[in-house]
């Protein structure tokens, strides 16, 4: 199912107080984004990473 416009998962998460990043479309950026997300979770926060891929 395709939504137009594409929903902003990161924006919705930030609206609820979570740390969020995305959409991340560059695979080279994922390691750094996931590292930051893990740091947020270890600090007791909620983290959401919105990853966009193309098949």
N, C-alpha and C. Protein backbone atom coordinates (compact mmCIF):
# COMPACT_ATOMS: atom_id res chain seq x y z
N UNK A 1 0.84 -1.17 0.00
CA UNK A 1 0.00 0.00 0.00
C UNK A 1 0.89 1.24 0.00
N UNK A 2 0.63 2.16 -0.88
CA UNK A 2 1.41 3.39 -0.97
C UNK A 2 0.55 4.56 -0.53
N UNK A 3 1.10 5.38 0.37
CA UNK A 3 0.40 6.56 0.85
C UNK A 3 0.95 7.79 0.14
N UNK A 4 0.07 8.65 -0.32
CA UNK A 4 0.49 9.91 -0.92
C UNK A 4 -0.25 11.00 -0.20
N UNK A 5 0.37 11.93 0.47
CA UNK A 5 1.82 11.99 0.66
C UNK A 5 2.30 10.95 1.66
N UNK A 6 3.60 10.68 1.62
CA UNK A 6 4.22 9.69 2.50
C UNK A 6 4.16 10.21 3.94
N UNK A 7 3.65 9.41 4.87
CA UNK A 7 3.57 9.87 6.26
C UNK A 7 4.97 10.07 6.86
N UNK A 8 5.10 11.02 7.75
CA UNK A 8 6.36 11.30 8.44
C UNK A 8 6.36 10.57 9.77
N UNK A 9 6.90 9.36 9.78
CA UNK A 9 6.94 8.56 10.99
C UNK A 9 7.79 9.25 12.05
N UNK A 10 8.92 9.82 11.63
CA UNK A 10 9.79 10.52 12.56
C UNK A 10 9.10 11.73 13.17
N UNK A 11 8.37 12.47 12.35
CA UNK A 11 7.65 13.63 12.84
C UNK A 11 6.58 13.27 13.85
N UNK A 12 5.88 12.18 13.59
CA UNK A 12 4.86 11.73 14.54
C UNK A 12 5.51 11.30 15.86
N UNK A 13 6.63 10.58 15.78
CA UNK A 13 7.32 10.13 17.00
C UNK A 13 7.81 11.32 17.81
N UNK A 14 8.38 12.33 17.13
CA UNK A 14 8.83 13.53 17.84
C UNK A 14 7.66 14.23 18.52
N UNK A 15 6.50 14.19 17.90
CA UNK A 15 5.32 14.79 18.50
C UNK A 15 4.93 14.15 19.82
N UNK A 16 5.32 12.89 20.01
CA UNK A 16 5.05 12.19 21.27
C UNK A 16 6.24 12.22 22.22
N UNK A 17 7.26 12.99 21.87
CA UNK A 17 8.41 13.15 22.76
C UNK A 17 9.57 12.21 22.53
N UNK A 18 9.53 11.42 21.48
CA UNK A 18 10.62 10.49 21.20
C UNK A 18 11.74 11.20 20.44
N UNK A 19 12.94 10.65 20.54
CA UNK A 19 14.02 11.07 19.66
C UNK A 19 13.75 10.36 18.34
N UNK A 20 13.84 11.06 17.23
CA UNK A 20 13.56 10.43 15.94
C UNK A 20 14.47 11.00 14.87
N UNK A 21 14.80 10.16 13.92
CA UNK A 21 15.62 10.57 12.78
C UNK A 21 15.00 9.99 11.53
N UNK A 22 14.92 10.81 10.53
CA UNK A 22 14.44 10.30 9.26
C UNK A 22 13.48 11.22 8.57
N UNK A 23 13.20 10.87 7.36
CA UNK A 23 13.56 9.60 6.73
C UNK A 23 15.04 9.54 6.36
N UNK A 24 15.64 8.38 6.60
CA UNK A 24 17.02 8.13 6.21
C UNK A 24 16.97 7.33 4.92
N UNK A 25 17.55 7.89 3.87
CA UNK A 25 17.52 7.23 2.57
C UNK A 25 18.90 6.77 2.11
N UNK A 26 19.96 7.25 2.80
CA UNK A 26 21.33 6.92 2.43
C UNK A 26 21.84 5.76 3.29
N UNK A 27 22.07 4.60 2.70
CA UNK A 27 22.55 3.46 3.49
C UNK A 27 23.84 3.75 4.25
N UNK A 28 24.68 4.63 3.73
CA UNK A 28 25.94 4.95 4.40
C UNK A 28 25.71 5.69 5.71
N UNK A 29 24.55 6.31 5.89
CA UNK A 29 24.25 7.06 7.11
C UNK A 29 23.65 6.20 8.20
N UNK A 30 23.24 4.98 7.87
CA UNK A 30 22.51 4.16 8.84
C UNK A 30 23.31 3.80 10.09
N UNK A 31 24.57 3.48 9.94
CA UNK A 31 25.36 3.08 11.11
C UNK A 31 25.39 4.19 12.15
N UNK A 32 25.64 5.42 11.71
CA UNK A 32 25.68 6.55 12.66
C UNK A 32 24.31 6.81 13.27
N UNK A 33 23.27 6.71 12.48
CA UNK A 33 21.91 6.95 12.99
C UNK A 33 21.53 5.89 14.01
N UNK A 34 21.83 4.62 13.71
CA UNK A 34 21.51 3.56 14.66
C UNK A 34 22.34 3.69 15.94
N UNK A 35 23.59 4.11 15.82
CA UNK A 35 24.42 4.33 17.00
C UNK A 35 23.79 5.38 17.90
N UNK A 36 23.33 6.47 17.31
CA UNK A 36 22.69 7.54 18.09
C UNK A 36 21.39 7.03 18.72
N UNK A 37 20.61 6.25 17.95
CA UNK A 37 19.35 5.71 18.48
C UNK A 37 19.61 4.80 19.67
N UNK A 38 20.63 3.96 19.59
CA UNK A 38 20.97 3.07 20.71
C UNK A 38 21.37 3.89 21.93
N UNK A 39 22.15 4.96 21.72
CA UNK A 39 22.54 5.83 22.84
C UNK A 39 21.31 6.44 23.50
N UNK A 40 20.34 6.85 22.72
CA UNK A 40 19.11 7.42 23.27
C UNK A 40 18.35 6.40 24.10
N UNK A 41 18.24 5.18 23.59
CA UNK A 41 17.53 4.12 24.31
C UNK A 41 18.27 3.77 25.60
N UNK A 42 19.58 3.68 25.54
CA UNK A 42 20.36 3.37 26.74
C UNK A 42 20.22 4.48 27.79
N UNK A 43 19.91 5.70 27.35
CA UNK A 43 19.70 6.81 28.28
C UNK A 43 18.27 6.85 28.80
N UNK A 44 17.45 5.88 28.38
CA UNK A 44 16.08 5.79 28.88
C UNK A 44 15.04 6.46 28.01
N UNK A 45 15.42 6.87 26.81
CA UNK A 45 14.48 7.54 25.91
C UNK A 45 13.94 6.57 24.87
N UNK A 46 12.89 6.98 24.20
CA UNK A 46 12.35 6.23 23.07
C UNK A 46 13.01 6.75 21.81
N UNK A 47 13.42 5.84 20.92
CA UNK A 47 14.06 6.24 19.66
C UNK A 47 13.35 5.58 18.49
N UNK A 48 13.13 6.36 17.44
CA UNK A 48 12.50 5.86 16.22
C UNK A 48 13.38 6.26 15.04
N UNK A 49 13.71 5.29 14.18
CA UNK A 49 14.47 5.56 12.97
C UNK A 49 13.57 5.22 11.78
N UNK A 50 13.30 6.22 10.97
CA UNK A 50 12.47 6.06 9.77
C UNK A 50 13.41 5.82 8.60
N UNK A 51 13.42 4.60 8.06
CA UNK A 51 14.31 4.23 6.95
C UNK A 51 13.46 4.05 5.70
N UNK A 52 13.87 4.70 4.64
CA UNK A 52 13.18 4.57 3.34
C UNK A 52 14.07 3.78 2.39
N UNK A 53 13.50 2.76 1.79
CA UNK A 53 14.26 1.95 0.83
C UNK A 53 13.52 1.87 -0.48
N UNK A 54 14.24 1.51 -1.50
CA UNK A 54 13.64 1.28 -2.81
C UNK A 54 14.02 -0.14 -3.24
N UNK A 55 13.04 -0.86 -3.70
CA UNK A 55 13.32 -2.23 -4.18
C UNK A 55 13.45 -2.25 -5.67
